[in-house]
Amino acid sequence: MSGTCFLAPCSSTWCPQKKGLQGPGLLTFFVESICVDPEVIAANIVQVKLGSPDYVNRDSDEATEDFLRRIECYENSYESLDEELDRDLSYIKIMDVGLSYVVNRVADHIQSRIVYYLMNIHVTPRSIYLCRHGESELNLKGRIGGDTGLSPRGREFAKSLAKFISDQNIKDLKVWTSQMKRTIQTAEALGVPYEQWKVLNEIDAGVCEEMTYEEIQDHYPLEFALRDQDKYRYRYPKGESYEDLVQRLEPVIMELERQENVLVICHQAVMRCLLAYFLDKMAEQLPYLKCPLHTVLKLTPMAYGCKVESIFLNVEAVNTHRDRPQNVDISRPPEEALVTVPAHQ
């Protein structure tokens, strides 16, 4: 599939020649957001515009006055979509950040996905808490995958997590886990209801499940090198790739956009995918994002990005992060393939 994407600035008036944007073989879809509620506009100015790069290092009152003047100017020339005049166009019109919607002539699957996404996101202040399960028995041994329970330190982390969440006093917090023992055991310590998602299970390492990196290098040196060459797209034999995992997690991501405060207790690869989505990371960066054990990442979505706070809960754990080695050639010696493997039992 190929095509052209035209993005008008988010604070601009409509182009009078909007119908001219359409051409042979080009599907055009318009997205319009209209705010008429004074309270919504005021909140938008405070939460969105004062965080804009346009107002860096400017007094908040001065910035507010400036933006209100901008709105006045826009009102004089703004051309809204008209349900009668523009009945042949494909579009979605969003009123007062989700109070109501008008959807017209959705033409294909991509446009329907855009509509679905826009009708599920919201701007209500909220936080998403991401953390991995407590340290597992296989983590201690440097073995990937599997479905073992928590180590003694992992159980200690689960108790610390329960205290941390209680101290935060989070309104209407929802807790999600995978269907694997180590996330369930971590959630059990919270003493609150939680929801199990199969799609939150760790990446499937196929024939390499429960092996150490040293064993993978010994038994499958070619596979080990190929994964280092393109970790995002490499698929384990009879298993998954990060690319597969991203597709698997789409329902979770959509649901996270709909929800308010959520704690997701998951796994290293899964947490990397979720973090990459909210931080807008490239595919090549995703498999190397650092998501240490016994650390909670608090994500607060904002207008121009996502604020990230990292909270270590003071329970030591083994390091499971392996950086990309310098030598990724298939003929490399074993010691160069294993140079970045973290220490383990």
C-alpha atoms as a PDB file:
ATOM      1  CA  MET A   1       0.000   0.000   0.000  1.00  0.00           C
ATOM      2  CA  SER A   2       1.342   3.440  -0.891  1.00  0.00           C
ATOM      3  CA  GLY A   3      -0.034   6.952  -0.726  1.00  0.00           C
ATOM      4  CA  THR A   4       0.436  10.496   0.457  1.00  0.00           C
ATOM      5  CA  CYS A   5      -0.470  11.917   3.836  1.00  0.00           C
ATOM      6  CA  PHE A   6      -1.253  15.633   4.151  1.00  0.00           C
ATOM      7  CA  LEU A   7      -1.366  17.051   7.659  1.00  0.00           C
ATOM      8  CA  ALA A   8      -2.666  20.558   8.195  1.00  0.00           C
ATOM      9  CA  PRO A   9      -1.351  22.381  11.291  1.00  0.00           C
ATOM     10  CA  CYS A  10      -3.519  21.615  14.314  1.00  0.00           C
ATOM     11  CA  SER A  11      -4.269  25.302  14.964  1.00  0.00           C
ATOM     12  CA  SER A  12      -5.051  26.389  11.412  1.00  0.00           C
ATOM     13  CA  THR A  13      -8.191  27.294   9.484  1.00  0.00           C
ATOM     14  CA  TRP A  14      -9.547  24.941   6.854  1.00  0.00           C
ATOM     15  CA  CYS A  15      -8.099  25.258   3.389  1.00  0.00           C
ATOM     16  CA  PRO A  16     -10.759  26.736   1.064  1.00  0.00           C
ATOM     17  CA  GLN A  17      -9.627  24.289  -1.636  1.00  0.00           C
ATOM     18  CA  LYS A  18     -10.064  21.187   0.546  1.00  0.00           C
ATOM     19  CA  LYS A  19     -11.829  19.363  -2.279  1.00  0.00           C
ATOM     20  CA  GLY A  20      -8.720  19.987  -4.364  1.00  0.00           C
ATOM     21  CA  LEU A  21      -6.770  17.720  -2.026  1.00  0.00           C
ATOM     22  CA  GLN A  22      -8.545  14.772  -3.582  1.00  0.00           C
ATOM     23  CA  GLY A  23      -7.142  13.196  -6.716  1.00  0.00           C
ATOM     24  CA  PRO A  24      -7.127   9.995  -8.786  1.00  0.00           C
ATOM     25  CA  GLY A  25      -6.252   7.019  -6.602  1.00  0.00           C
ATOM     26  CA  LEU A  26      -5.996   9.187  -3.485  1.00  0.00           C
ATOM     27  CA  LEU A  27      -8.380   8.649  -0.588  1.00  0.00           C
ATOM     28  CA  THR A  28      -8.658  11.781   1.539  1.00  0.00           C
ATOM     29  CA  PHE A  29      -9.991  11.732   5.083  1.00  0.00           C
ATOM     30  CA  PHE A  30     -10.588  14.918   7.069  1.00  0.00           C
ATOM     31  CA  VAL A  31     -10.407  15.134  10.854  1.00  0.00           C
ATOM     32  CA  GLU A  32     -11.979  18.214  12.457  1.00  0.00           C
ATOM     33  CA  SER A  33     -12.036  19.019  16.161  1.00  0.00           C
ATOM     34  CA  ILE A  34     -14.347  21.811  17.325  1.00  0.00           C
ATOM     35  CA  CYS A  35     -14.555  23.230  20.854  1.00  0.00           C
ATOM     36  CA  VAL A  36     -17.423  25.596  21.704  1.00  0.00           C
ATOM     37  CA  ASP A  37     -17.746  24.924  25.441  1.00  0.00           C
ATOM     38  CA  PRO A  38     -15.939  27.780  27.285  1.00  0.00           C
ATOM     39  CA  GLU A  39     -14.813  25.407  30.042  1.00  0.00           C
ATOM     40  CA  VAL A  40     -13.322  23.000  27.504  1.00  0.00           C
ATOM     41  CA  ILE A  41     -11.535  25.870  25.767  1.00  0.00           C
ATOM     42  CA  ALA A  42     -10.138  27.199  29.052  1.00  0.00           C
ATOM     43  CA  ALA A  43      -8.905  23.752  30.075  1.00  0.00           C
ATOM     44  CA  ASN A  44      -7.428  23.256  26.614  1.00  0.00           C
ATOM     45  CA  ILE A  45      -5.455  26.483  26.872  1.00  0.00           C
ATOM     46  CA  VAL A  46      -4.054  25.567  30.281  1.00  0.00           C
ATOM     47  CA  GLN A  47      -3.275  21.904  29.612  1.00  0.00           C
ATOM     48  CA  VAL A  48      -2.335  22.042  25.950  1.00  0.00           C
ATOM     49  CA  LYS A  49      -1.319  25.429  24.652  1.00  0.00           C
ATOM     50  CA  LEU A  50       0.735  26.502  27.654  1.00  0.00           C
ATOM     51  CA  GLY A  51       2.817  23.366  27.119  1.00  0.00           C
ATOM     52  CA  SER A  52       3.311  24.203  23.458  1.00  0.00           C
ATOM     53  CA  PRO A  53       6.801  24.968  22.117  1.00  0.00           C
ATOM     54  CA  ASP A  54       5.341  28.330  21.016  1.00  0.00           C
ATOM     55  CA  TYR A  55       5.097  29.421  24.650  1.00  0.00           C
ATOM     56  CA  VAL A  56       8.317  28.125  26.151  1.00  0.00           C
ATOM     57  CA  ASN A  57       9.702  30.562  28.747  1.00  0.00           C
ATOM     58  CA  ARG A  58       6.678  32.869  28.441  1.00  0.00           C
ATOM     59  CA  ASP A  59       4.487  34.037  31.308  1.00  0.00           C
ATOM     60  CA  SER A  60       1.307  31.927  31.548  1.00  0.00           C
ATOM     61  CA  ASP A  61      -1.050  34.931  31.629  1.00  0.00           C
ATOM     62  CA  GLU A  62       0.686  36.461  28.625  1.00  0.00           C
ATOM     63  CA  ALA A  63       0.531  33.130  26.778  1.00  0.00           C
ATOM     64  CA  THR A  64      -3.178  32.757  27.551  1.00  0.00           C
ATOM     65  CA  GLU A  65      -3.967  36.257  26.256  1.00  0.00           C
ATOM     66  CA  ASP A  66      -1.936  35.605  23.118  1.00  0.00           C
ATOM     67  CA  PHE A  67      -3.726  32.364  22.384  1.00  0.00           C
ATOM     68  CA  LEU A  68      -7.165  33.883  22.961  1.00  0.00           C
ATOM     69  CA  ARG A  69      -6.240  36.524  20.367  1.00  0.00           C
ATOM     70  CA  ARG A  70      -5.264  33.716  17.998  1.00  0.00           C
ATOM     71  CA  ILE A  71      -8.656  32.074  18.479  1.00  0.00           C
ATOM     72  CA  GLU A  72     -10.333  35.385  17.625  1.00  0.00           C
ATOM     73  CA  CYS A  73      -8.367  35.596  14.390  1.00  0.00           C
ATOM     74  CA  TYR A  74      -9.175  31.988  13.493  1.00  0.00           C
ATOM     75  CA  GLU A  75     -12.908  32.561  14.017  1.00  0.00           C
ATOM     76  CA  ASN A  76     -12.917  35.236  11.304  1.00  0.00           C
ATOM     77  CA  SER A  77     -11.723  32.890   8.566  1.00  0.00           C
ATOM     78  CA  TYR A  78     -12.382  29.367   9.839  1.00  0.00           C
ATOM     79  CA  GLU A  79     -14.234  27.126   7.414  1.00  0.00           C
ATOM     80  CA  SER A  80     -15.893  24.189   9.149  1.00  0.00           C
ATOM     81  CA  LEU A  81     -17.028  21.006   7.468  1.00  0.00           C
ATOM     82  CA  ASP A  82     -20.648  21.337   6.403  1.00  0.00           C
ATOM     83  CA  GLU A  83     -22.867  18.251   6.592  1.00  0.00           C
ATOM     84  CA  GLU A  84     -24.751  19.283   3.456  1.00  0.00           C
ATOM     85  CA  LEU A  85     -22.086  20.987   1.324  1.00  0.00           C
ATOM     86  CA  ASP A  86     -19.415  18.416   2.191  1.00  0.00           C
ATOM     87  CA  ARG A  87     -21.624  15.337   2.078  1.00  0.00           C
ATOM     88  CA  ASP A  88     -19.354  13.762  -0.576  1.00  0.00           C
ATOM     89  CA  LEU A  89     -16.238  14.010   1.628  1.00  0.00           C
ATOM     90  CA  SER A  90     -14.952  11.396   4.058  1.00  0.00           C
ATOM     91  CA  TYR A  91     -14.518  12.886   7.517  1.00  0.00           C
ATOM     92  CA  ILE A  92     -14.980  12.740  11.260  1.00  0.00           C
ATOM     93  CA  LYS A  93     -16.004  15.818  13.226  1.00  0.00           C
ATOM     94  CA  ILE A  94     -15.243  15.735  16.960  1.00  0.00           C
ATOM     95  CA  MET A  95     -17.219  18.085  19.198  1.00  0.00           C
ATOM     96  CA  ASP A  96     -15.864  19.304  22.565  1.00  0.00           C
ATOM     97  CA  VAL A  97     -13.181  16.591  22.835  1.00  0.00           C
ATOM     98  CA  GLY A  98     -15.562  13.668  22.510  1.00  0.00           C
ATOM     99  CA  LEU A  99     -18.961  14.977  23.634  1.00  0.00           C
ATOM    100  CA  SER A 100     -20.330  13.989  20.218  1.00  0.00           C
ATOM    101  CA  TYR A 101     -19.105  12.890  16.783  1.00  0.00           C
ATOM    102  CA  VAL A 102     -20.211  13.193  13.179  1.00  0.00           C
ATOM    103  CA  VAL A 103     -18.781  10.535  10.846  1.00  0.00           C
ATOM    104  CA  ASN A 104     -19.377  10.677   7.104  1.00  0.00           C
ATOM    105  CA  ARG A 105     -18.568   8.329   4.202  1.00  0.00           C
ATOM    106  CA  VAL A 106     -15.903   6.093   5.730  1.00  0.00           C
ATOM    107  CA  ALA A 107     -14.312   4.607   2.633  1.00  0.00           C
ATOM    108  CA  ASP A 108     -11.959   1.799   3.679  1.00  0.00           C
ATOM    109  CA  HIS A 109     -10.423  -0.207   6.510  1.00  0.00           C
ATOM    110  CA  ILE A 110      -7.754   2.394   7.307  1.00  0.00           C
ATOM    111  CA  GLN A 111     -10.342   5.149   7.654  1.00  0.00           C
ATOM    112  CA  SER A 112     -12.502   2.931   9.870  1.00  0.00           C
ATOM    113  CA  ARG A 113      -9.482   2.274  12.106  1.00  0.00           C
ATOM    114  CA  ILE A 114      -8.834   6.028  12.341  1.00  0.00           C
ATOM    115  CA  VAL A 115     -12.451   6.590  13.380  1.00  0.00           C
ATOM    116  CA  TYR A 116     -12.262   3.783  15.943  1.00  0.00           C
ATOM    117  CA  TYR A 117      -9.065   5.234  17.405  1.00  0.00           C
ATOM    118  CA  LEU A 118     -10.343   8.819  17.578  1.00  0.00           C
ATOM    119  CA  MET A 119     -13.594   7.728  19.214  1.00  0.00           C
ATOM    120  CA  ASN A 120     -11.698   5.895  21.946  1.00  0.00           C
ATOM    121  CA  ILE A 121      -9.026   8.392  22.985  1.00  0.00           C
ATOM    122  CA  HIS A 122      -9.712  11.078  25.575  1.00  0.00           C
ATOM    123  CA  VAL A 123      -7.959  13.997  27.266  1.00  0.00           C
ATOM    124  CA  THR A 124      -9.005  13.271  30.841  1.00  0.00           C
ATOM    125  CA  PRO A 125      -5.918  13.573  33.096  1.00  0.00           C
ATOM    126  CA  ARG A 126      -4.739  10.068  33.963  1.00  0.00           C
ATOM    127  CA  SER A 127      -1.666   7.940  34.546  1.00  0.00           C
ATOM    128  CA  ILE A 128      -0.614   4.556  33.225  1.00  0.00           C
ATOM    129  CA  TYR A 129       1.653   2.548  35.510  1.00  0.00           C
ATOM    130  CA  LEU A 130       3.841  -0.046  33.810  1.00  0.00           C
ATOM    131  CA  CYS A 131       5.947  -2.605  35.631  1.00  0.00           C
ATOM    132  CA  ARG A 132       7.277  -6.079  35.118  1.00  0.00           C
ATOM    133  CA  HIS A 133       6.443  -8.997  37.362  1.00  0.00           C
ATOM    134  CA  GLY A 134       8.657  -9.595  40.360  1.00  0.00           C
ATOM    135  CA  GLU A 135      11.933 -11.400  39.742  1.00  0.00           C
ATOM    136  CA  SER A 136      11.252 -15.032  38.742  1.00  0.00           C
ATOM    137  CA  GLU A 137      13.200 -18.230  39.342  1.00  0.00           C
ATOM    138  CA  LEU A 138      14.140 -18.362  35.644  1.00  0.00           C
ATOM    139  CA  ASN A 139      15.301 -14.717  35.737  1.00  0.00           C
ATOM    140  CA  LEU A 140      17.852 -15.728  38.360  1.00  0.00           C
ATOM    141  CA  LYS A 141      19.196 -18.457  36.081  1.00  0.00           C
ATOM    142  CA  GLY A 142      19.366 -16.214  33.014  1.00  0.00           C
ATOM    143  CA  ARG A 143      16.747 -18.264  31.173  1.00  0.00           C
ATOM    144  CA  ILE A 144      14.283 -16.573  28.832  1.00  0.00           C
ATOM    145  CA  GLY A 145      10.537 -17.199  28.681  1.00  0.00           C
ATOM    146  CA  GLY A 146       8.993 -20.052  30.606  1.00  0.00           C
ATOM    147  CA  ASP A 147       6.234 -19.844  33.192  1.00  0.00           C
ATOM    148  CA  THR A 148       7.803 -20.150  36.625  1.00  0.00           C
ATOM    149  CA  GLY A 149       6.854 -18.422  39.858  1.00  0.00           C
ATOM    150  CA  LEU A 150       8.526 -15.611  41.762  1.00  0.00           C
ATOM    151  CA  SER A 151      11.858 -15.793  43.539  1.00  0.00           C
ATOM    152  CA  PRO A 152      12.057 -14.663  47.206  1.00  0.00           C
ATOM    153  CA  ARG A 153      13.089 -11.177  46.022  1.00  0.00           C
ATOM    154  CA  GLY A 154      10.230 -11.249  43.519  1.00  0.00           C
ATOM    155  CA  ARG A 155       7.749 -11.896  46.321  1.00  0.00           C
ATOM    156  CA  GLU A 156       9.305  -9.056  48.308  1.00  0.00           C
ATOM    157  CA  PHE A 157       8.817  -6.757  45.320  1.00  0.00           C
ATOM    158  CA  ALA A 158       5.152  -7.767  45.088  1.00  0.00           C
ATOM    159  CA  LYS A 159       4.650  -6.601  48.684  1.00  0.00           C
ATOM    160  CA  SER A 160       6.517  -3.349  47.989  1.00  0.00           C
ATOM    161  CA  LEU A 161       4.393  -2.765  44.899  1.00  0.00           C
ATOM    162  CA  ALA A 162       1.231  -3.226  46.968  1.00  0.00           C
ATOM    163  CA  LYS A 163       2.409  -0.587  49.450  1.00  0.00           C
ATOM    164  CA  PHE A 164       3.444   1.785  46.659  1.00  0.00           C
ATOM    165  CA  ILE A 165       0.068   1.540  44.923  1.00  0.00           C
ATOM    166  CA  SER A 166      -1.786   1.973  48.223  1.00  0.00           C
ATOM    167  CA  ASP A 167       0.269   5.069  49.083  1.00  0.00           C
ATOM    168  CA  GLN A 168      -0.492   6.609  45.676  1.00  0.00           C
ATOM    169  CA  ASN A 169      -4.232   6.601  46.476  1.00  0.00           C
ATOM    170  CA  ILE A 170      -5.104   6.286  42.791  1.00  0.00           C
ATOM    171  CA  LYS A 171      -8.753   6.866  41.902  1.00  0.00           C
ATOM    172  CA  ASP A 172     -10.552   3.955  40.193  1.00  0.00           C
ATOM    173  CA  LEU A 173      -7.322   2.118  39.400  1.00  0.00           C
ATOM    174  CA  LYS A 174      -7.626  -0.916  37.145  1.00  0.00           C
ATOM    175  CA  VAL A 175      -5.003  -3.675  37.309  1.00  0.00           C
ATOM    176  CA  TRP A 176      -4.130  -5.825  34.302  1.00  0.00           C
ATOM    177  CA  THR A 177      -1.800  -8.833  34.145  1.00  0.00           C
ATOM    178  CA  SER A 178      -0.832 -11.510  31.657  1.00  0.00           C
ATOM    179  CA  GLN A 179      -1.942 -15.105  32.153  1.00  0.00           C
ATOM    180  CA  MET A 180       1.510 -16.183  33.342  1.00  0.00           C
ATOM    181  CA  LYS A 181       2.249 -17.221  36.930  1.00  0.00           C
ATOM    182  CA  ARG A 182       4.794 -14.512  37.694  1.00  0.00           C
ATOM    183  CA  THR A 183       2.482 -11.594  36.842  1.00  0.00           C
ATOM    184  CA  ILE A 184      -0.482 -13.190  38.605  1.00  0.00           C
ATOM    185  CA  GLN A 185       1.570 -13.817  41.762  1.00  0.00           C
ATOM    186  CA  THR A 186       2.727 -10.193  41.662  1.00  0.00           C
ATOM    187  CA  ALA A 187      -0.857  -8.928  41.353  1.00  0.00           C
ATOM    188  CA  GLU A 188      -2.169 -11.223  44.099  1.00  0.00           C
ATOM    189  CA  ALA A 189      -0.147  -9.274  46.669  1.00  0.00           C
ATOM    190  CA  LEU A 190      -2.087  -6.095  45.828  1.00  0.00           C
ATOM    191  CA  GLY A 191      -5.251  -7.465  47.383  1.00  0.00           C
ATOM    192  CA  VAL A 192      -7.446  -5.869  44.704  1.00  0.00           C
ATOM    193  CA  PRO A 193      -9.346  -7.245  41.690  1.00  0.00           C
ATOM    194  CA  TYR A 194      -7.269  -7.668  38.542  1.00  0.00           C
ATOM    195  CA  GLU A 195      -7.925  -8.661  34.946  1.00  0.00           C
ATOM    196  CA  GLN A 196      -5.866 -11.264  33.074  1.00  0.00           C
ATOM    197  CA  TRP A 197      -5.056 -10.626  29.401  1.00  0.00           C
ATOM    198  CA  LYS A 198      -3.618 -13.447  27.298  1.00  0.00           C
ATOM    199  CA  VAL A 199      -2.277 -10.890  24.810  1.00  0.00           C
ATOM    200  CA  LEU A 200      -0.051  -9.511  27.613  1.00  0.00           C
ATOM    201  CA  ASN A 201       1.876 -12.808  27.777  1.00  0.00           C
ATOM    202  CA  GLU A 202       5.612 -12.545  27.141  1.00  0.00           C
ATOM    203  CA  ILE A 203       7.005 -12.855  23.609  1.00  0.00           C
ATOM    204  CA  ASP A 204       7.064 -16.515  22.510  1.00  0.00           C
ATOM    205  CA  ALA A 205      10.701 -17.595  22.130  1.00  0.00           C
ATOM    206  CA  GLY A 206       9.703 -20.795  20.326  1.00  0.00           C
ATOM    207  CA  VAL A 207      12.453 -23.436  20.355  1.00  0.00           C
ATOM    208  CA  CYS A 208      14.535 -21.144  22.598  1.00  0.00           C
ATOM    209  CA  GLU A 209      12.043 -21.076  25.488  1.00  0.00           C
ATOM    210  CA  GLU A 210      13.724 -21.542  28.893  1.00  0.00           C
ATOM    211  CA  MET A 211      17.222 -21.471  27.376  1.00  0.00           C
ATOM    212  CA  THR A 212      20.075 -19.195  28.458  1.00  0.00           C
ATOM    213  CA  TYR A 213      21.733 -16.935  25.901  1.00  0.00           C
ATOM    214  CA  GLU A 214      24.817 -19.134  26.164  1.00  0.00           C
ATOM    215  CA  GLU A 215      22.745 -22.200  25.256  1.00  0.00           C
ATOM    216  CA  ILE A 216      21.133 -20.389  22.325  1.00  0.00           C
ATOM    217  CA  GLN A 217      24.577 -19.416  21.022  1.00  0.00           C
ATOM    218  CA  ASP A 218      25.747 -23.026  21.452  1.00  0.00           C
ATOM    219  CA  HIS A 219      22.730 -24.697  19.804  1.00  0.00           C
ATOM    220  CA  TYR A 220      21.527 -22.011  17.372  1.00  0.00           C
ATOM    221  CA  PRO A 221      24.451 -19.651  16.598  1.00  0.00           C
ATOM    222  CA  LEU A 222      22.953 -18.591  13.256  1.00  0.00           C
ATOM    223  CA  GLU A 223      19.615 -17.694  14.849  1.00  0.00           C
ATOM    224  CA  PHE A 224      21.386 -15.800  17.627  1.00  0.00           C
ATOM    225  CA  ALA A 225      23.284 -13.686  15.078  1.00  0.00           C
ATOM    226  CA  LEU A 226      20.232 -13.083  12.896  1.00  0.00           C
ATOM    227  CA  ARG A 227      18.308 -11.806  15.899  1.00  0.00           C
ATOM    228  CA  ASP A 228      21.114  -9.398  16.763  1.00  0.00           C
ATOM    229  CA  GLN A 229      21.104  -8.121  13.174  1.00  0.00           C
ATOM    230  CA  ASP A 230      17.399  -7.187  13.231  1.00  0.00           C
ATOM    231  CA  LYS A 231      15.908  -7.780  16.653  1.00  0.00           C
ATOM    232  CA  TYR A 232      12.596  -6.090  15.839  1.00  0.00           C
ATOM    233  CA  ARG A 233      11.733  -8.256  12.816  1.00  0.00           C
ATOM    234  CA  TYR A 234      13.526 -11.485  13.729  1.00  0.00           C
ATOM    235  CA  ARG A 235      11.106 -14.297  14.570  1.00  0.00           C
ATOM    236  CA  TYR A 236      12.167 -17.163  16.829  1.00  0.00           C
ATOM    237  CA  PRO A 237      11.719 -20.577  15.143  1.00  0.00           C
ATOM    238  CA  LYS A 238       8.171 -21.648  16.107  1.00  0.00           C
ATOM    239  CA  GLY A 239       7.874 -18.391  18.056  1.00  0.00           C
ATOM    240  CA  GLU A 240       7.309 -14.655  17.641  1.00  0.00           C
ATOM    241  CA  SER A 241       9.114 -11.473  16.659  1.00  0.00           C
ATOM    242  CA  TYR A 242       8.767  -8.049  18.264  1.00  0.00           C
ATOM    243  CA  GLU A 243       6.860  -7.064  15.141  1.00  0.00           C
ATOM    244  CA  ASP A 244       4.386  -9.888  15.834  1.00  0.00           C
ATOM    245  CA  LEU A 245       4.126  -8.797  19.456  1.00  0.00           C
ATOM    246  CA  VAL A 246       3.294  -5.208  18.498  1.00  0.00           C
ATOM    247  CA  GLN A 247       0.393  -6.496  16.390  1.00  0.00           C
ATOM    248  CA  ARG A 248      -0.755  -8.766  19.221  1.00  0.00           C
ATOM    249  CA  LEU A 249      -0.803  -5.843  21.669  1.00  0.00           C
ATOM    250  CA  GLU A 250      -2.971  -3.544  19.549  1.00  0.00           C
ATOM    251  CA  PRO A 251      -6.200  -4.366  21.482  1.00  0.00           C
ATOM    252  CA  VAL A 252      -4.437  -3.578  24.777  1.00  0.00           C
ATOM    253  CA  ILE A 253      -3.138  -0.269  23.428  1.00  0.00           C
ATOM    254  CA  MET A 254      -6.598   0.711  22.182  1.00  0.00           C
ATOM    255  CA  GLU A 255      -8.090  -0.164  25.556  1.00  0.00           C
ATOM    256  CA  LEU A 256      -5.384   1.819  27.382  1.00  0.00           C
ATOM    257  CA  GLU A 257      -6.367   4.844  25.287  1.00  0.00           C
ATOM    258  CA  ARG A 258      -9.983   4.431  26.458  1.00  0.00           C
ATOM    259  CA  GLN A 259      -9.224   3.907  30.140  1.00  0.00           C
ATOM    260  CA  GLU A 260      -8.172   6.329  32.856  1.00  0.00           C
ATOM    261  CA  ASN A 261      -5.782   5.046  35.572  1.00  0.00           C
ATOM    262  CA  VAL A 262      -4.349   1.587  34.861  1.00  0.00           C
ATOM    263  CA  LEU A 263      -1.539  -0.541  36.327  1.00  0.00           C
ATOM    264  CA  VAL A 264      -0.175  -3.045  33.798  1.00  0.00           C
ATOM    265  CA  ILE A 265       1.934  -5.843  35.309  1.00  0.00           C
ATOM    266  CA  CYS A 266       3.630  -7.470  32.346  1.00  0.00           C
ATOM    267  CA  HIS A 267       6.932  -8.715  30.893  1.00  0.00           C
ATOM    268  CA  GLN A 268      10.111  -7.178  29.468  1.00  0.00           C
ATOM    269  CA  ALA A 269       9.273  -7.427  25.742  1.00  0.00           C
ATOM    270  CA  VAL A 270       5.631  -6.462  26.309  1.00  0.00           C
ATOM    271  CA  MET A 271       6.595  -3.471  28.437  1.00  0.00           C
ATOM    272  CA  ARG A 272       9.033  -2.338  25.744  1.00  0.00           C
ATOM    273  CA  CYS A 273       6.251  -2.366  23.147  1.00  0.00           C
ATOM    274  CA  LEU A 274       3.845  -0.398  25.342  1.00  0.00           C
ATOM    275  CA  LEU A 275       6.537   2.087  26.308  1.00  0.00           C
ATOM    276  CA  ALA A 276       7.588   2.550  22.673  1.00  0.00           C
ATOM    277  CA  TYR A 277       3.994   3.362  21.717  1.00  0.00           C
ATOM    278  CA  PHE A 278       3.534   6.071  24.332  1.00  0.00           C
ATOM    279  CA  LEU A 279       7.025   7.529  23.810  1.00  0.00           C
ATOM    280  CA  ASP A 280       6.824   7.332  20.005  1.00  0.00           C
ATOM    281  CA  LYS A 281      10.007   5.274  19.617  1.00  0.00           C
ATOM    282  CA  MET A 282      11.268   3.854  16.319  1.00  0.00           C
ATOM    283  CA  ALA A 283      11.089   0.118  15.589  1.00  0.00           C
ATOM    284  CA  GLU A 284      14.879  -0.164  15.794  1.00  0.00           C
ATOM    285  CA  GLN A 285      14.879   1.399  19.272  1.00  0.00           C
ATOM    286  CA  LEU A 286      12.012  -0.637  20.704  1.00  0.00           C
ATOM    287  CA  PRO A 287      13.806  -3.964  21.466  1.00  0.00           C
ATOM    288  CA  TYR A 288      16.535  -2.163  23.412  1.00  0.00           C
ATOM    289  CA  LEU A 289      14.420   0.035  25.700  1.00  0.00           C
ATOM    290  CA  LYS A 290      15.444  -0.516  29.317  1.00  0.00           C
ATOM    291  CA  CYS A 291      12.661  -1.929  31.485  1.00  0.00           C
ATOM    292  CA  PRO A 292      14.377  -3.172  34.657  1.00  0.00           C
ATOM    293  CA  LEU A 293      12.772  -5.465  37.187  1.00  0.00           C
ATOM    294  CA  HIS A 294      11.294  -3.987  40.371  1.00  0.00           C
ATOM    295  CA  THR A 295      10.855  -0.550  38.805  1.00  0.00           C
ATOM    296  CA  VAL A 296       7.529   1.177  38.101  1.00  0.00           C
ATOM    297  CA  LEU A 297       7.239   3.565  35.169  1.00  0.00           C
ATOM    298  CA  LYS A 298       4.484   6.145  35.620  1.00  0.00           C
ATOM    299  CA  LEU A 299       3.351   7.509  32.259  1.00  0.00           C
ATOM    300  CA  THR A 300       1.272  10.682  32.133  1.00  0.00           C
ATOM    301  CA  PRO A 301       0.074  11.433  28.573  1.00  0.00           C
ATOM    302  CA  MET A 302       0.307  15.126  27.718  1.00  0.00           C
ATOM    303  CA  ALA A 303      -0.447  17.264  24.682  1.00  0.00           C
ATOM    304  CA  TYR A 304       3.112  17.335  23.378  1.00  0.00           C
ATOM    305  CA  GLY A 305       4.382  13.952  24.511  1.00  0.00           C
ATOM    306  CA  CYS A 306       4.306  11.748  27.565  1.00  0.00           C
ATOM    307  CA  LYS A 307       5.841  12.459  30.951  1.00  0.00           C
ATOM    308  CA  VAL A 308       7.750   9.462  32.360  1.00  0.00           C
ATOM    309  CA  GLU A 309       8.631   8.942  36.006  1.00  0.00           C
ATOM    310  CA  SER A 310      10.784   5.959  36.998  1.00  0.00           C
ATOM    311  CA  ILE A 311      10.313   4.648  40.552  1.00  0.00           C
ATOM    312  CA  PHE A 312      12.645   1.922  41.840  1.00  0.00           C
ATOM    313  CA  LEU A 313      11.004   0.137  44.773  1.00  0.00           C
ATOM    314  CA  ASN A 314      14.265  -0.644  46.595  1.00  0.00           C
ATOM    315  CA  VAL A 315      14.213  -4.408  46.074  1.00  0.00           C
ATOM    316  CA  GLU A 316      17.312  -5.680  44.290  1.00  0.00           C
ATOM    317  CA  ALA A 317      16.877  -7.901  41.230  1.00  0.00           C
ATOM    318  CA  VAL A 318      18.946  -9.562  38.548  1.00  0.00           C
ATOM    319  CA  ASN A 319      19.658  -7.552  35.384  1.00  0.00           C
ATOM    320  CA  THR A 320      17.949  -9.047  32.314  1.00  0.00           C
ATOM    321  CA  HIS A 321      18.846  -6.349  29.768  1.00  0.00           C
ATOM    322  CA  ARG A 322      21.159  -7.406  26.928  1.00  0.00           C
ATOM    323  CA  ASP A 323      22.507  -4.671  24.650  1.00  0.00           C
ATOM    324  CA  ARG A 324      23.205  -5.250  20.969  1.00  0.00           C
ATOM    325  CA  PRO A 325      26.801  -6.473  20.614  1.00  0.00           C
ATOM    326  CA  GLN A 326      29.121  -4.667  18.244  1.00  0.00           C
ATOM    327  CA  ASN A 327      29.776  -7.782  16.157  1.00  0.00           C
ATOM    328  CA  VAL A 328      26.559  -9.217  14.687  1.00  0.00           C
ATOM    329  CA  ASP A 329      28.156 -11.205  11.868  1.00  0.00           C
ATOM    330  CA  ILE A 330      27.035 -14.832  11.536  1.00  0.00           C
ATOM    331  CA  SER A 331      30.668 -16.008  11.651  1.00  0.00           C
ATOM    332  CA  ARG A 332      31.548 -14.157  14.879  1.00  0.00           C
ATOM    333  CA  PRO A 333      33.300 -16.032  17.682  1.00  0.00           C
ATOM    334  CA  PRO A 334      31.101 -17.058  20.654  1.00  0.00           C
ATOM    335  CA  GLU A 335      32.819 -14.671  23.080  1.00  0.00           C
ATOM    336  CA  GLU A 336      31.868 -11.687  20.896  1.00  0.00           C
ATOM    337  CA  ALA A 337      28.280 -12.909  20.602  1.00  0.00           C
ATOM    338  CA  LEU A 338      27.978 -13.217  24.382  1.00  0.00           C
ATOM    339  CA  VAL A 339      29.852 -10.079  25.427  1.00  0.00           C
ATOM    340  CA  THR A 340      26.677  -8.184  26.435  1.00  0.00           C
ATOM    341  CA  VAL A 341      24.925 -11.050  28.240  1.00  0.00           C
ATOM    342  CA  PRO A 342      24.118  -9.961  31.828  1.00  0.00           C
ATOM    343  CA  ALA A 343      25.445 -11.979  34.764  1.00  0.00           C
ATOM    344  CA  HIS A 344      23.278 -14.763  36.179  1.00  0.00           C
ATOM    345  CA  GLN A 345      23.491 -17.928  38.267  1.00  0.00           C
END
